[in-house]
Amino acid sequence: MAERSSLLNCRTGNCAQGSNPCVSEFINTNHSMQNLKQLKSYFETAKGKLLTIYDFLQTEEGLRYIALSPLLFSWLFVISANFQNQKIRESCLYSGIFTLYFFLLLLVSIVLNWLPFIGNALANLSHLAGILIYLGLSGFFIYSLYKNKKVEILLLEKHHKLINDFLFNERP
């Protein structure tokens, strides 16, 4: 109990006269200058790595990775910032199509949920299919980008062409 009251006095600044247990407690803990220098070096290393990541994400390839990442609507910010670059715009449109597929299957699962008896199971399977398709297509396109391969899936190409023509080509 006496130790607890002395620690409480140390925190409030009411240390006993003659000896200062606050100082001896601080010296006995692991808060030495060596640990602080080591912690500073860790922060400098982390800062260097974060700057490297930031520099990579500012490149075209990094922006395409962000656009194709399986985060809902991450492509929207990328296309807003770099609308002029054709490759980035193409990646953003593909990611938008993946998002549309996900929401389409989510809507199907809502409708299937209204069916009696087996509706809940079918709705869950439809929602799972939407998630797996969204994650699978995103991962597949990121992998193909990493390997510098051109992916052509007929259904995706058809939807990409329709959306590209509707949004970016001038109509009479």
N, C-alpha and C. Protein backbone atom coordinates (compact mmCIF):
# COMPACT_ATOMS: atom_id res chain seq x y z
N MET A 1 0.82 -1.19 0.00
CA MET A 1 0.00 0.00 0.00
C MET A 1 0.86 1.25 0.00
N ALA A 2 2.00 1.17 0.72
CA ALA A 2 2.89 2.32 0.79
C ALA A 2 3.50 2.60 -0.57
N GLU A 3 3.79 1.53 -1.34
CA GLU A 3 4.35 1.73 -2.68
C GLU A 3 3.34 2.44 -3.57
N ARG A 4 2.08 2.04 -3.43
CA ARG A 4 1.04 2.64 -4.26
C ARG A 4 0.87 4.12 -3.93
N SER A 5 0.90 4.46 -2.67
CA SER A 5 0.74 5.87 -2.30
C SER A 5 1.95 6.68 -2.74
N SER A 6 3.15 6.09 -2.71
CA SER A 6 4.32 6.84 -3.16
C SER A 6 4.27 7.05 -4.67
N LEU A 7 3.78 6.04 -5.42
CA LEU A 7 3.63 6.23 -6.85
C LEU A 7 2.58 7.29 -7.16
N LEU A 8 1.49 7.29 -6.37
CA LEU A 8 0.46 8.30 -6.57
C LEU A 8 1.00 9.68 -6.27
N ASN A 9 1.82 9.79 -5.23
CA ASN A 9 2.44 11.06 -4.91
C ASN A 9 3.40 11.50 -6.00
N CYS A 10 4.09 10.53 -6.62
CA CYS A 10 5.02 10.87 -7.70
C CYS A 10 4.27 11.45 -8.89
N ARG A 11 3.12 10.87 -9.19
CA ARG A 11 2.36 11.34 -10.36
C ARG A 11 1.77 12.72 -10.12
N THR A 12 1.45 13.01 -8.87
CA THR A 12 0.87 14.32 -8.57
C THR A 12 1.93 15.36 -8.26
N GLY A 13 3.17 14.94 -8.11
CA GLY A 13 4.25 15.88 -7.86
C GLY A 13 4.54 16.09 -6.40
N ASN A 14 3.93 15.33 -5.53
CA ASN A 14 4.13 15.47 -4.08
C ASN A 14 5.09 14.41 -3.57
N CYS A 15 6.31 14.41 -4.06
CA CYS A 15 7.30 13.41 -3.65
C CYS A 15 7.83 13.76 -2.27
N ALA A 16 8.29 12.72 -1.57
CA ALA A 16 8.85 12.92 -0.23
C ALA A 16 10.14 13.73 -0.32
N GLN A 17 10.39 14.54 0.72
CA GLN A 17 11.60 15.35 0.71
C GLN A 17 12.81 14.48 1.00
N GLY A 18 13.93 14.84 0.44
CA GLY A 18 15.17 14.11 0.67
C GLY A 18 15.46 13.15 -0.46
N SER A 19 14.59 12.22 -0.74
CA SER A 19 14.80 11.28 -1.84
C SER A 19 13.63 11.42 -2.81
N ASN A 20 13.94 11.25 -4.04
CA ASN A 20 12.90 11.40 -5.06
C ASN A 20 12.65 10.03 -5.71
N PRO A 21 11.62 9.31 -5.29
CA PRO A 21 11.37 7.99 -5.86
C PRO A 21 10.94 8.07 -7.32
N CYS A 22 10.45 9.22 -7.75
CA CYS A 22 10.03 9.36 -9.15
C CYS A 22 11.22 9.19 -10.08
N VAL A 23 12.35 9.79 -9.74
CA VAL A 23 13.53 9.72 -10.58
C VAL A 23 14.08 8.31 -10.60
N SER A 24 14.16 7.68 -9.44
CA SER A 24 14.70 6.33 -9.40
C SER A 24 13.78 5.35 -10.13
N GLU A 25 12.47 5.58 -10.05
CA GLU A 25 11.54 4.71 -10.78
C GLU A 25 11.73 4.86 -12.29
N PHE A 26 11.92 6.10 -12.76
CA PHE A 26 12.11 6.34 -14.19
C PHE A 26 13.41 5.72 -14.69
N ILE A 27 14.47 5.78 -13.89
CA ILE A 27 15.76 5.22 -14.30
C ILE A 27 15.69 3.70 -14.35
N ASN A 28 14.93 3.10 -13.45
CA ASN A 28 14.85 1.65 -13.40
C ASN A 28 13.99 1.05 -14.50
N THR A 29 13.18 1.83 -15.15
CA THR A 29 12.33 1.30 -16.22
C THR A 29 13.12 1.24 -17.53
N ASN A 30 12.44 0.79 -18.59
CA ASN A 30 13.11 0.62 -19.88
C ASN A 30 13.13 1.88 -20.74
N HIS A 31 12.91 3.02 -20.15
CA HIS A 31 12.89 4.27 -20.90
C HIS A 31 14.26 4.94 -20.91
N SER A 32 15.25 4.24 -21.34
CA SER A 32 16.58 4.81 -21.38
C SER A 32 16.81 5.50 -22.73
N MET A 33 17.87 6.22 -22.82
CA MET A 33 18.19 6.95 -24.05
C MET A 33 18.46 6.00 -25.20
N GLN A 34 19.02 4.84 -24.91
CA GLN A 34 19.30 3.87 -25.97
C GLN A 34 18.00 3.41 -26.63
N ASN A 35 16.99 3.16 -25.82
CA ASN A 35 15.70 2.76 -26.39
C ASN A 35 15.07 3.87 -27.20
N LEU A 36 15.24 5.10 -26.75
CA LEU A 36 14.69 6.23 -27.49
C LEU A 36 15.40 6.41 -28.83
N LYS A 37 16.71 6.21 -28.86
CA LYS A 37 17.45 6.29 -30.12
C LYS A 37 17.04 5.18 -31.07
N GLN A 38 16.83 3.99 -30.52
CA GLN A 38 16.39 2.87 -31.35
C GLN A 38 14.99 3.13 -31.90
N LEU A 39 14.12 3.68 -31.08
CA LEU A 39 12.78 4.02 -31.54
C LEU A 39 12.82 5.09 -32.62
N LYS A 40 13.72 6.05 -32.50
CA LYS A 40 13.87 7.09 -33.51
C LYS A 40 14.33 6.48 -34.84
N SER A 41 15.24 5.52 -34.77
CA SER A 41 15.70 4.88 -36.01
C SER A 41 14.57 4.08 -36.66
N TYR A 42 13.70 3.46 -35.86
CA TYR A 42 12.55 2.75 -36.42
C TYR A 42 11.61 3.72 -37.14
N PHE A 43 11.38 4.87 -36.53
CA PHE A 43 10.51 5.86 -37.15
C PHE A 43 11.11 6.39 -38.46
N GLU A 44 12.41 6.59 -38.49
CA GLU A 44 13.06 7.05 -39.72
C GLU A 44 12.96 6.00 -40.82
N THR A 45 13.12 4.71 -40.45
CA THR A 45 12.98 3.63 -41.43
C THR A 45 11.54 3.57 -41.95
N ALA A 46 10.58 3.67 -41.04
CA ALA A 46 9.17 3.63 -41.45
C ALA A 46 8.83 4.81 -42.33
N LYS A 47 9.37 5.98 -42.02
CA LYS A 47 9.11 7.16 -42.83
C LYS A 47 9.67 6.97 -44.24
N GLY A 48 10.86 6.39 -44.35
CA GLY A 48 11.46 6.14 -45.65
C GLY A 48 10.62 5.16 -46.47
N LYS A 49 10.13 4.12 -45.81
CA LYS A 49 9.30 3.14 -46.52
C LYS A 49 7.97 3.75 -46.94
N LEU A 50 7.37 4.56 -46.09
CA LEU A 50 6.10 5.22 -46.44
C LEU A 50 6.28 6.19 -47.60
N LEU A 51 7.40 6.88 -47.65
CA LEU A 51 7.67 7.78 -48.77
C LEU A 51 7.87 7.00 -50.07
N THR A 52 8.51 5.82 -49.97
CA THR A 52 8.67 4.96 -51.14
C THR A 52 7.32 4.49 -51.65
N ILE A 53 6.44 4.08 -50.74
CA ILE A 53 5.09 3.65 -51.12
C ILE A 53 4.32 4.81 -51.74
N TYR A 54 4.44 5.99 -51.16
CA TYR A 54 3.75 7.17 -51.69
C TYR A 54 4.24 7.50 -53.10
N ASP A 55 5.54 7.42 -53.31
CA ASP A 55 6.08 7.69 -54.65
C ASP A 55 5.60 6.66 -55.66
N PHE A 56 5.50 5.39 -55.25
CA PHE A 56 5.01 4.36 -56.16
C PHE A 56 3.54 4.60 -56.50
N LEU A 57 2.75 4.98 -55.51
CA LEU A 57 1.32 5.18 -55.76
C LEU A 57 1.04 6.41 -56.61
N GLN A 58 2.01 7.27 -56.81
CA GLN A 58 1.83 8.42 -57.69
C GLN A 58 2.13 8.09 -59.15
N THR A 59 2.71 6.92 -59.42
CA THR A 59 3.01 6.53 -60.78
C THR A 59 1.76 5.95 -61.44
N GLU A 60 1.84 5.76 -62.75
CA GLU A 60 0.70 5.20 -63.49
C GLU A 60 0.38 3.79 -63.03
N GLU A 61 1.40 2.98 -62.84
CA GLU A 61 1.19 1.60 -62.41
C GLU A 61 0.56 1.55 -61.02
N GLY A 62 1.02 2.40 -60.12
CA GLY A 62 0.45 2.44 -58.78
C GLY A 62 -1.01 2.88 -58.78
N LEU A 63 -1.32 3.85 -59.61
CA LEU A 63 -2.72 4.29 -59.70
C LEU A 63 -3.61 3.21 -60.29
N ARG A 64 -3.07 2.43 -61.21
CA ARG A 64 -3.85 1.32 -61.77
C ARG A 64 -4.08 0.25 -60.71
N TYR A 65 -3.08 0.01 -59.86
CA TYR A 65 -3.27 -0.94 -58.75
C TYR A 65 -4.37 -0.46 -57.81
N ILE A 66 -4.36 0.83 -57.49
CA ILE A 66 -5.39 1.38 -56.61
C ILE A 66 -6.76 1.26 -57.27
N ALA A 67 -6.83 1.57 -58.56
CA ALA A 67 -8.11 1.52 -59.25
C ALA A 67 -8.67 0.11 -59.30
N LEU A 68 -7.82 -0.88 -59.47
CA LEU A 68 -8.28 -2.27 -59.57
C LEU A 68 -8.39 -2.96 -58.22
N SER A 69 -8.00 -2.30 -57.16
CA SER A 69 -8.07 -2.95 -55.85
C SER A 69 -9.53 -3.21 -55.47
N PRO A 70 -9.77 -4.29 -54.75
CA PRO A 70 -11.16 -4.64 -54.42
C PRO A 70 -11.72 -3.83 -53.27
N LEU A 71 -11.63 -2.53 -53.37
CA LEU A 71 -12.26 -1.62 -52.42
C LEU A 71 -13.36 -0.89 -53.19
N LEU A 72 -14.56 -0.95 -52.68
CA LEU A 72 -15.68 -0.36 -53.42
C LEU A 72 -15.42 1.12 -53.68
N PHE A 73 -15.54 1.51 -54.91
CA PHE A 73 -15.45 2.89 -55.39
C PHE A 73 -14.07 3.51 -55.24
N SER A 74 -13.01 2.72 -55.09
CA SER A 74 -11.67 3.29 -55.10
C SER A 74 -11.32 3.81 -56.49
N TRP A 75 -11.92 3.23 -57.50
CA TRP A 75 -11.68 3.63 -58.89
C TRP A 75 -12.24 5.02 -59.16
N LEU A 76 -13.25 5.43 -58.42
CA LEU A 76 -13.89 6.72 -58.68
C LEU A 76 -12.95 7.88 -58.39
N PHE A 77 -12.17 7.77 -57.33
CA PHE A 77 -11.22 8.84 -56.99
C PHE A 77 -10.07 8.88 -57.99
N VAL A 78 -9.64 7.72 -58.44
CA VAL A 78 -8.52 7.67 -59.38
C VAL A 78 -8.94 8.25 -60.73
N ILE A 79 -10.13 7.90 -61.21
CA ILE A 79 -10.56 8.43 -62.50
C ILE A 79 -10.85 9.93 -62.41
N SER A 80 -11.25 10.39 -61.25
CA SER A 80 -11.46 11.83 -61.07
C SER A 80 -10.15 12.60 -61.14
N ALA A 81 -9.09 12.00 -60.60
CA ALA A 81 -7.81 12.69 -60.57
C ALA A 81 -7.05 12.58 -61.88
N ASN A 82 -7.14 11.44 -62.57
CA ASN A 82 -6.36 11.20 -63.79
C ASN A 82 -7.27 10.75 -64.93
N PHE A 83 -8.13 11.62 -65.34
CA PHE A 83 -9.09 11.28 -66.39
C PHE A 83 -8.42 11.18 -67.75
N GLN A 84 -7.34 11.91 -67.99
CA GLN A 84 -6.74 11.99 -69.32
C GLN A 84 -5.97 10.74 -69.72
N ASN A 85 -5.44 10.01 -68.75
CA ASN A 85 -4.62 8.84 -69.05
C ASN A 85 -5.52 7.67 -69.46
N GLN A 86 -5.31 7.15 -70.66
CA GLN A 86 -6.18 6.11 -71.21
C GLN A 86 -6.08 4.79 -70.44
N LYS A 87 -4.88 4.39 -70.04
CA LYS A 87 -4.72 3.12 -69.32
C LYS A 87 -5.38 3.17 -67.95
N ILE A 88 -5.22 4.29 -67.25
CA ILE A 88 -5.83 4.43 -65.94
C ILE A 88 -7.35 4.47 -66.08
N ARG A 89 -7.85 5.16 -67.09
CA ARG A 89 -9.29 5.22 -67.31
C ARG A 89 -9.84 3.84 -67.63
N GLU A 90 -9.11 3.05 -68.40
CA GLU A 90 -9.54 1.68 -68.72
C GLU A 90 -9.61 0.82 -67.45
N SER A 91 -8.60 0.92 -66.60
CA SER A 91 -8.59 0.15 -65.35
C SER A 91 -9.74 0.59 -64.44
N CYS A 92 -10.00 1.88 -64.40
CA CYS A 92 -11.10 2.38 -63.57
C CYS A 92 -12.45 1.89 -64.08
N LEU A 93 -12.62 1.85 -65.40
CA LEU A 93 -13.87 1.36 -65.94
C LEU A 93 -14.06 -0.12 -65.65
N TYR A 94 -13.00 -0.91 -65.75
CA TYR A 94 -13.10 -2.33 -65.41
C TYR A 94 -13.49 -2.50 -63.94
N SER A 95 -12.88 -1.73 -63.07
CA SER A 95 -13.22 -1.82 -61.66
C SER A 95 -14.66 -1.38 -61.41
N GLY A 96 -15.12 -0.39 -62.14
CA GLY A 96 -16.51 0.02 -62.04
C GLY A 96 -17.46 -1.08 -62.50
N ILE A 97 -17.07 -1.80 -63.53
CA ILE A 97 -17.88 -2.93 -64.00
C ILE A 97 -17.92 -4.02 -62.94
N PHE A 98 -16.80 -4.29 -62.28
CA PHE A 98 -16.79 -5.28 -61.21
C PHE A 98 -17.75 -4.86 -60.09
N THR A 99 -17.75 -3.57 -59.77
CA THR A 99 -18.66 -3.06 -58.74
C THR A 99 -20.11 -3.22 -59.17
N LEU A 100 -20.39 -2.95 -60.45
CA LEU A 100 -21.75 -3.12 -60.95
C LEU A 100 -22.18 -4.59 -60.89
N TYR A 101 -21.31 -5.50 -61.22
CA TYR A 101 -21.62 -6.93 -61.10
C TYR A 101 -21.96 -7.29 -59.66
N PHE A 102 -21.16 -6.77 -58.73
CA PHE A 102 -21.41 -7.05 -57.32
C PHE A 102 -22.78 -6.55 -56.90
N PHE A 103 -23.10 -5.30 -57.25
CA PHE A 103 -24.39 -4.76 -56.84
C PHE A 103 -25.55 -5.43 -57.57
N LEU A 104 -25.34 -5.89 -58.78
CA LEU A 104 -26.37 -6.64 -59.49
C LEU A 104 -26.67 -7.95 -58.77
N LEU A 105 -25.64 -8.67 -58.38
CA LEU A 105 -25.87 -9.91 -57.64
C LEU A 105 -26.40 -9.65 -56.23
N LEU A 106 -26.08 -8.52 -55.65
CA LEU A 106 -26.67 -8.15 -54.37
C LEU A 106 -28.16 -7.89 -54.53
N LEU A 107 -28.55 -7.23 -55.60
CA LEU A 107 -29.97 -7.00 -55.89
C LEU A 107 -30.69 -8.32 -56.14
N VAL A 108 -30.05 -9.22 -56.87
CA VAL A 108 -30.64 -10.55 -57.09
C VAL A 108 -30.83 -11.28 -55.76
N SER A 109 -29.88 -11.15 -54.86
CA SER A 109 -30.01 -11.82 -53.56
C SER A 109 -31.15 -11.21 -52.74
N ILE A 110 -31.39 -9.91 -52.88
CA ILE A 110 -32.52 -9.29 -52.18
C ILE A 110 -33.84 -9.84 -52.72
N VAL A 111 -33.93 -9.97 -54.03
CA VAL A 111 -35.15 -10.52 -54.63
C VAL A 111 -35.33 -11.98 -54.25
N LEU A 112 -34.25 -12.75 -54.26
CA LEU A 112 -34.34 -14.17 -53.89
C LEU A 112 -34.72 -14.37 -52.43
N ASN A 113 -34.42 -13.41 -51.61
CA ASN A 113 -34.74 -13.50 -50.20
C ASN A 113 -36.25 -13.51 -49.97
N TRP A 114 -37.03 -13.00 -50.90
CA TRP A 114 -38.48 -12.97 -50.76
C TRP A 114 -39.12 -14.34 -51.01
N LEU A 115 -38.39 -15.26 -51.60
CA LEU A 115 -38.94 -16.60 -51.85
C LEU A 115 -39.14 -17.34 -50.54
N PRO A 116 -40.25 -18.07 -50.44
CA PRO A 116 -40.44 -18.82 -49.20
C PRO A 116 -39.54 -20.06 -49.14
N PHE A 117 -39.25 -20.50 -47.96
CA PHE A 117 -38.49 -21.70 -47.62
C PHE A 117 -37.03 -21.63 -48.04
N ILE A 118 -36.73 -21.66 -49.33
CA ILE A 118 -35.36 -21.77 -49.80
C ILE A 118 -34.77 -20.41 -50.18
N GLY A 119 -35.55 -19.36 -50.06
CA GLY A 119 -35.10 -18.03 -50.48
C GLY A 119 -33.88 -17.52 -49.74
N ASN A 120 -33.83 -17.76 -48.43
CA ASN A 120 -32.67 -17.28 -47.66
C ASN A 120 -31.38 -17.94 -48.12
N ALA A 121 -31.44 -19.24 -48.37
CA ALA A 121 -30.24 -19.95 -48.81
C ALA A 121 -29.80 -19.47 -50.19
N LEU A 122 -30.75 -19.31 -51.10
CA LEU A 122 -30.41 -18.82 -52.44
C LEU A 122 -29.88 -17.39 -52.39
N ALA A 123 -30.46 -16.58 -51.53
CA ALA A 123 -29.98 -15.20 -51.39
C ALA A 123 -28.55 -15.17 -50.86
N ASN A 124 -28.27 -16.03 -49.89
CA ASN A 124 -26.91 -16.09 -49.36
C ASN A 124 -25.92 -16.57 -50.41
N LEU A 125 -26.32 -17.56 -51.19
CA LEU A 125 -25.44 -18.05 -52.26
C LEU A 125 -25.21 -16.99 -53.33
N SER A 126 -26.25 -16.26 -53.66
CA SER A 126 -26.11 -15.19 -54.65
C SER A 126 -25.18 -14.09 -54.15
N HIS A 127 -25.33 -13.74 -52.88
CA HIS A 127 -24.46 -12.71 -52.31
C HIS A 127 -23.02 -13.20 -52.25
N LEU A 128 -22.83 -14.46 -51.87
CA LEU A 128 -21.48 -15.04 -51.86
C LEU A 128 -20.89 -15.06 -53.26
N ALA A 129 -21.70 -15.39 -54.26
CA ALA A 129 -21.21 -15.38 -55.64
C ALA A 129 -20.79 -13.97 -56.05
N GLY A 130 -21.57 -12.98 -55.65
CA GLY A 130 -21.20 -11.60 -55.97
C GLY A 130 -19.88 -11.20 -55.35
N ILE A 131 -19.67 -11.57 -54.10
CA ILE A 131 -18.42 -11.25 -53.42
C ILE A 131 -17.24 -11.95 -54.09
N LEU A 132 -17.42 -13.25 -54.38
CA LEU A 132 -16.33 -14.00 -54.99
C LEU A 132 -16.01 -13.52 -56.40
N ILE A 133 -17.02 -13.16 -57.16
CA ILE A 133 -16.78 -12.64 -58.51
C ILE A 133 -16.05 -11.30 -58.43
N TYR A 134 -16.50 -10.44 -57.52
CA TYR A 134 -15.86 -9.13 -57.37
C TYR A 134 -14.40 -9.27 -56.96
N LEU A 135 -14.14 -10.06 -55.93
CA LEU A 135 -12.76 -10.25 -55.47
C LEU A 135 -11.92 -11.01 -56.49
N GLY A 136 -12.52 -12.00 -57.13
CA GLY A 136 -11.78 -12.80 -58.10
C GLY A 136 -11.38 -12.00 -59.32
N LEU A 137 -12.32 -11.23 -59.87
CA LEU A 137 -11.98 -10.42 -61.05
C LEU A 137 -10.96 -9.35 -60.71
N SER A 138 -11.12 -8.72 -59.55
CA SER A 138 -10.14 -7.70 -59.15
C SER A 138 -8.76 -8.30 -58.99
N GLY A 139 -8.69 -9.42 -58.30
CA GLY A 139 -7.40 -10.08 -58.11
C GLY A 139 -6.79 -10.55 -59.41
N PHE A 140 -7.64 -11.07 -60.30
CA PHE A 140 -7.16 -11.55 -61.60
C PHE A 140 -6.60 -10.40 -62.43
N PHE A 141 -7.28 -9.28 -62.43
CA PHE A 141 -6.80 -8.14 -63.21
C PHE A 141 -5.54 -7.52 -62.60
N ILE A 142 -5.44 -7.50 -61.28
CA ILE A 142 -4.21 -7.01 -60.65
C ILE A 142 -3.05 -7.94 -60.98
N TYR A 143 -3.29 -9.24 -60.96
CA TYR A 143 -2.25 -10.21 -61.30
C TYR A 143 -1.82 -10.04 -62.76
N SER A 144 -2.79 -9.85 -63.66
CA SER A 144 -2.43 -9.66 -65.07
C SER A 144 -1.68 -8.34 -65.27
N LEU A 145 -2.00 -7.33 -64.49
CA LEU A 145 -1.26 -6.07 -64.56
C LEU A 145 0.16 -6.28 -64.06
N TYR A 146 0.31 -7.05 -63.00
CA TYR A 146 1.63 -7.35 -62.45
C TYR A 146 2.48 -8.12 -63.45
N LYS A 147 1.87 -9.04 -64.19
CA LYS A 147 2.59 -9.85 -65.17
C LYS A 147 2.63 -9.22 -66.56
N ASN A 148 2.08 -8.02 -66.71
CA ASN A 148 2.04 -7.29 -67.98
C ASN A 148 1.35 -8.10 -69.09
N LYS A 149 0.23 -8.68 -68.75
CA LYS A 149 -0.55 -9.45 -69.71
C LYS A 149 -1.82 -8.68 -70.03
N LYS A 150 -2.32 -8.86 -71.22
CA LYS A 150 -3.58 -8.25 -71.63
C LYS A 150 -4.68 -9.29 -71.46
N VAL A 151 -5.69 -8.96 -70.69
CA VAL A 151 -6.79 -9.88 -70.41
C VAL A 151 -7.97 -9.48 -71.27
N GLU A 152 -8.55 -10.46 -71.94
CA GLU A 152 -9.74 -10.21 -72.75
C GLU A 152 -10.79 -11.26 -72.40
N ILE A 153 -11.77 -10.84 -71.65
CA ILE A 153 -12.94 -11.66 -71.33
C ILE A 153 -14.09 -11.04 -72.11
N LEU A 154 -14.76 -11.84 -72.94
CA LEU A 154 -15.72 -11.29 -73.90
C LEU A 154 -16.83 -10.50 -73.23
N LEU A 155 -17.41 -11.00 -72.16
CA LEU A 155 -18.50 -10.29 -71.49
C LEU A 155 -18.00 -8.97 -70.91
N LEU A 156 -16.84 -8.99 -70.31
CA LEU A 156 -16.27 -7.76 -69.77
C LEU A 156 -15.93 -6.77 -70.87
N GLU A 157 -15.37 -7.25 -71.96
CA GLU A 157 -15.03 -6.37 -73.08
C GLU A 157 -16.29 -5.71 -73.66
N LYS A 158 -17.36 -6.49 -73.75
CA LYS A 158 -18.62 -5.96 -74.27
C LYS A 158 -19.16 -4.86 -73.35
N HIS A 159 -19.18 -5.12 -72.06
CA HIS A 159 -19.67 -4.11 -71.12
C HIS A 159 -18.74 -2.90 -71.04
N HIS A 160 -17.45 -3.16 -71.14
CA HIS A 160 -16.49 -2.05 -71.13
C HIS A 160 -16.70 -1.14 -72.34
N LYS A 161 -16.90 -1.74 -73.49
CA LYS A 161 -17.12 -0.95 -74.71
C LYS A 161 -18.41 -0.15 -74.62
N LEU A 162 -19.48 -0.76 -74.09
CA LEU A 162 -20.75 -0.04 -73.96
C LEU A 162 -20.63 1.15 -73.02
N ILE A 163 -20.00 0.96 -71.88
CA ILE A 163 -19.86 2.05 -70.92
C ILE A 163 -18.91 3.12 -71.45
N ASN A 164 -17.84 2.71 -72.08
CA ASN A 164 -16.88 3.66 -72.65
C ASN A 164 -17.55 4.50 -73.73
N ASP A 165 -18.32 3.87 -74.61
CA ASP A 165 -19.01 4.61 -75.66
C ASP A 165 -20.05 5.56 -75.07
N PHE A 166 -20.76 5.09 -74.06
CA PHE A 166 -21.81 5.92 -73.47
C PHE A 166 -21.24 7.12 -72.73
N LEU A 167 -20.17 6.92 -71.98
CA LEU A 167 -19.63 8.00 -71.15
C LEU A 167 -18.69 8.95 -71.87
N PHE A 168 -17.83 8.42 -72.76
CA PHE A 168 -16.72 9.23 -73.23
C PHE A 168 -16.74 9.59 -74.70
N ASN A 169 -17.59 8.95 -75.49
CA ASN A 169 -17.66 9.33 -76.89
C ASN A 169 -18.79 10.31 -77.11
N GLU A 170 -18.52 11.27 -77.96
CA GLU A 170 -19.53 12.28 -78.23
C GLU A 170 -20.63 11.70 -79.10
N ARG A 171 -21.85 12.04 -78.73
CA ARG A 171 -23.01 11.58 -79.49
C ARG A 171 -23.56 12.76 -80.28
N PRO A 172 -24.18 12.46 -81.44
CA PRO A 172 -24.74 13.58 -82.23
C PRO A 172 -25.96 14.17 -81.60
